[in-house]
Protein backbone atom coordinates (compact mmCIF):
# COMPACT_ATOMS: atom_id res chain seq x y z
CA UNK A 1 0.03 -0.01 0.02
CA UNK A 2 1.66 3.23 -1.20
CA UNK A 3 0.98 6.22 0.94
CA UNK A 4 2.09 9.84 0.51
CA UNK A 5 2.02 12.59 3.08
CA UNK A 6 2.82 16.22 2.19
CA UNK A 7 3.98 18.91 4.53
CA UNK A 8 5.38 22.40 4.43
CA UNK A 9 2.60 24.43 2.95
CA UNK A 10 1.55 27.76 4.30
CA UNK A 11 1.23 31.43 3.57
CA UNK A 12 3.97 33.68 2.32
CA UNK A 13 4.31 37.09 0.76
CA UNK A 14 5.10 37.57 -2.88
CA UNK A 15 8.81 37.01 -3.48
CA UNK A 16 9.12 34.64 -0.57
CA UNK A 17 10.06 30.99 -0.41
CA UNK A 18 8.60 27.76 0.83
CA UNK A 19 9.78 24.15 0.85
CA UNK A 20 7.31 21.34 0.53
CA UNK A 21 8.14 17.82 1.62
CA UNK A 22 6.56 14.55 0.68
CA UNK A 23 7.10 11.28 2.64
CA UNK A 24 6.31 8.12 0.73
CA UNK A 25 5.90 4.62 2.11
CA UNK A 26 5.03 1.27 0.68
CA UNK A 27 7.27 1.22 -2.37
CA UNK A 28 10.99 1.79 -2.50
CA UNK A 29 12.06 -0.04 -5.62
CA UNK A 30 13.16 1.16 -9.03
CA UNK A 31 11.73 2.42 -11.23
CA UNK A 32 9.77 5.14 -9.70
CA UNK A 33 8.79 8.79 -10.33
CA UNK A 34 7.93 11.39 -7.77
CA UNK A 35 5.94 14.40 -8.85
CA UNK A 36 4.42 17.65 -7.57
CA UNK A 37 1.18 18.90 -8.97
CA UNK A 38 -1.03 21.83 -8.04
CA UNK A 39 -4.68 22.71 -8.41
CA UNK A 40 -6.77 25.81 -8.12
CA UNK A 41 -10.52 25.70 -7.38
CA UNK A 42 -12.38 24.91 -10.52
CA UNK A 43 -9.21 24.25 -12.48
CA UNK A 44 -7.58 21.07 -13.63
CA UNK A 45 -4.61 19.69 -11.68
CA UNK A 46 -1.43 20.63 -13.43
CA UNK A 47 2.09 19.18 -13.24
CA UNK A 48 4.72 21.26 -11.62
CA UNK A 49 7.84 19.14 -11.39
CA UNK A 50 8.88 15.53 -11.38
CA UNK A 51 11.94 13.49 -10.65
CA UNK A 52 12.79 9.88 -11.62
CA UNK A 53 14.82 7.19 -9.98
CA UNK A 54 17.95 8.36 -11.86
CA UNK A 55 17.45 11.94 -10.58
CA UNK A 56 16.35 13.37 -13.92
CA UNK A 57 14.02 16.33 -13.33
CA UNK A 58 11.25 18.02 -15.36
CA UNK A 59 9.51 21.31 -14.73
CA UNK A 60 6.61 23.11 -16.16
CA UNK A 61 7.63 26.32 -17.88
CA UNK A 62 6.08 28.69 -15.38
CA UNK A 63 8.25 27.45 -12.51
CA UNK A 64 11.61 26.87 -14.28
CA UNK A 65 14.36 28.78 -12.49
CA UNK A 66 12.26 29.28 -9.41
CA UNK A 67 11.29 25.81 -8.14
CA UNK A 68 13.61 22.86 -7.49
CA UNK A 69 12.64 19.34 -7.03
CA UNK A 70 14.96 17.00 -5.09
CA UNK A 71 14.85 13.70 -3.33
CA UNK A 72 16.63 11.81 -0.56
CA UNK A 73 15.55 8.46 -2.07
CA UNK A 74 12.23 6.90 -3.12
CA UNK A 75 10.78 7.84 0.23
CA UNK A 76 11.31 11.59 0.50
CA UNK A 77 10.95 14.26 -2.10
CA UNK A 78 11.06 18.04 -1.72
CA UNK A 79 9.92 21.08 -3.70
CA UNK A 80 11.91 24.24 -2.97
CA UNK A 81 9.90 27.17 -4.18
CA UNK A 82 11.56 30.60 -4.55
CA UNK A 83 10.37 33.90 -5.85
CA UNK A 84 6.77 32.95 -5.22
CA UNK A 85 3.97 34.97 -6.82
CA UNK A 86 0.22 35.05 -6.17
CA UNK A 87 -0.16 32.88 -9.32
CA UNK A 88 1.53 30.05 -7.40
CA UNK A 89 -1.33 29.95 -4.93
CA UNK A 90 -2.88 26.49 -5.01
CA UNK A 91 -3.26 23.16 -3.32
CA UNK A 92 -0.01 21.23 -3.99
CA UNK A 93 -0.10 17.47 -4.30
CA UNK A 94 2.63 14.88 -4.23
CA UNK A 95 2.23 11.82 -6.49
CA UNK A 96 4.24 8.77 -7.39
CA UNK A 97 4.20 6.07 -10.10
CA UNK A 98 6.20 2.95 -10.74
CA UNK A 99 7.61 3.83 -14.14
CA UNK A 100 10.82 5.04 -15.72
CA UNK A 101 9.23 8.08 -17.41
CA UNK A 102 7.81 10.86 -15.36
CA UNK A 103 5.51 13.08 -17.54
CA UNK A 104 3.83 16.11 -15.94
CA UNK A 105 0.42 15.17 -17.28
CA UNK A 106 -1.76 14.23 -14.28
CA UNK A 107 -3.06 11.06 -15.90
CA UNK A 108 -1.13 7.89 -15.17
CA UNK A 109 -0.19 8.74 -11.63
CA UNK A 110 -2.07 6.32 -9.43
CA UNK A 111 -0.86 7.34 -6.00
CA UNK A 112 -1.57 10.72 -4.48
CA UNK A 113 -1.17 12.58 -1.16
CA UNK A 114 -3.87 14.64 0.42
CA UNK A 115 -2.46 17.94 -0.63
CA UNK A 116 -1.08 20.99 1.18
CA UNK A 117 -2.22 24.56 0.66
CA UNK A 118 0.21 27.23 -0.55
CA UNK A 119 -1.02 30.86 -0.35
CA UNK A 120 1.05 33.72 -1.77
CA UNK A 121 -0.13 37.20 -1.02
CA UNK A 122 0.80 40.29 -2.98
């Protein structure tokens, strides 16, 4: 049983930083992907960043140069978010899948955390 638990969300002013953490349990083998997604009310969930079991990362264009995804291993992944803007306000979800490729499309990720709120004020 794969379980994901996010932490680190909160409120910050524009230009500030936050680090999200995701603890995964139940699967520690290769291959795997860990991903961060976000969702605004009434909007579709969008991919933010992903990292695979070889450490290869992917980012959506709007966060490149500002966000960094990293991992300790298959059990802990982080999202360092710098230069935050109000447009980054959303619920952020951690997800994992047992594949080599880690696309940022939300389909094909079977395991999700409960989400953590990030609010950026101007």
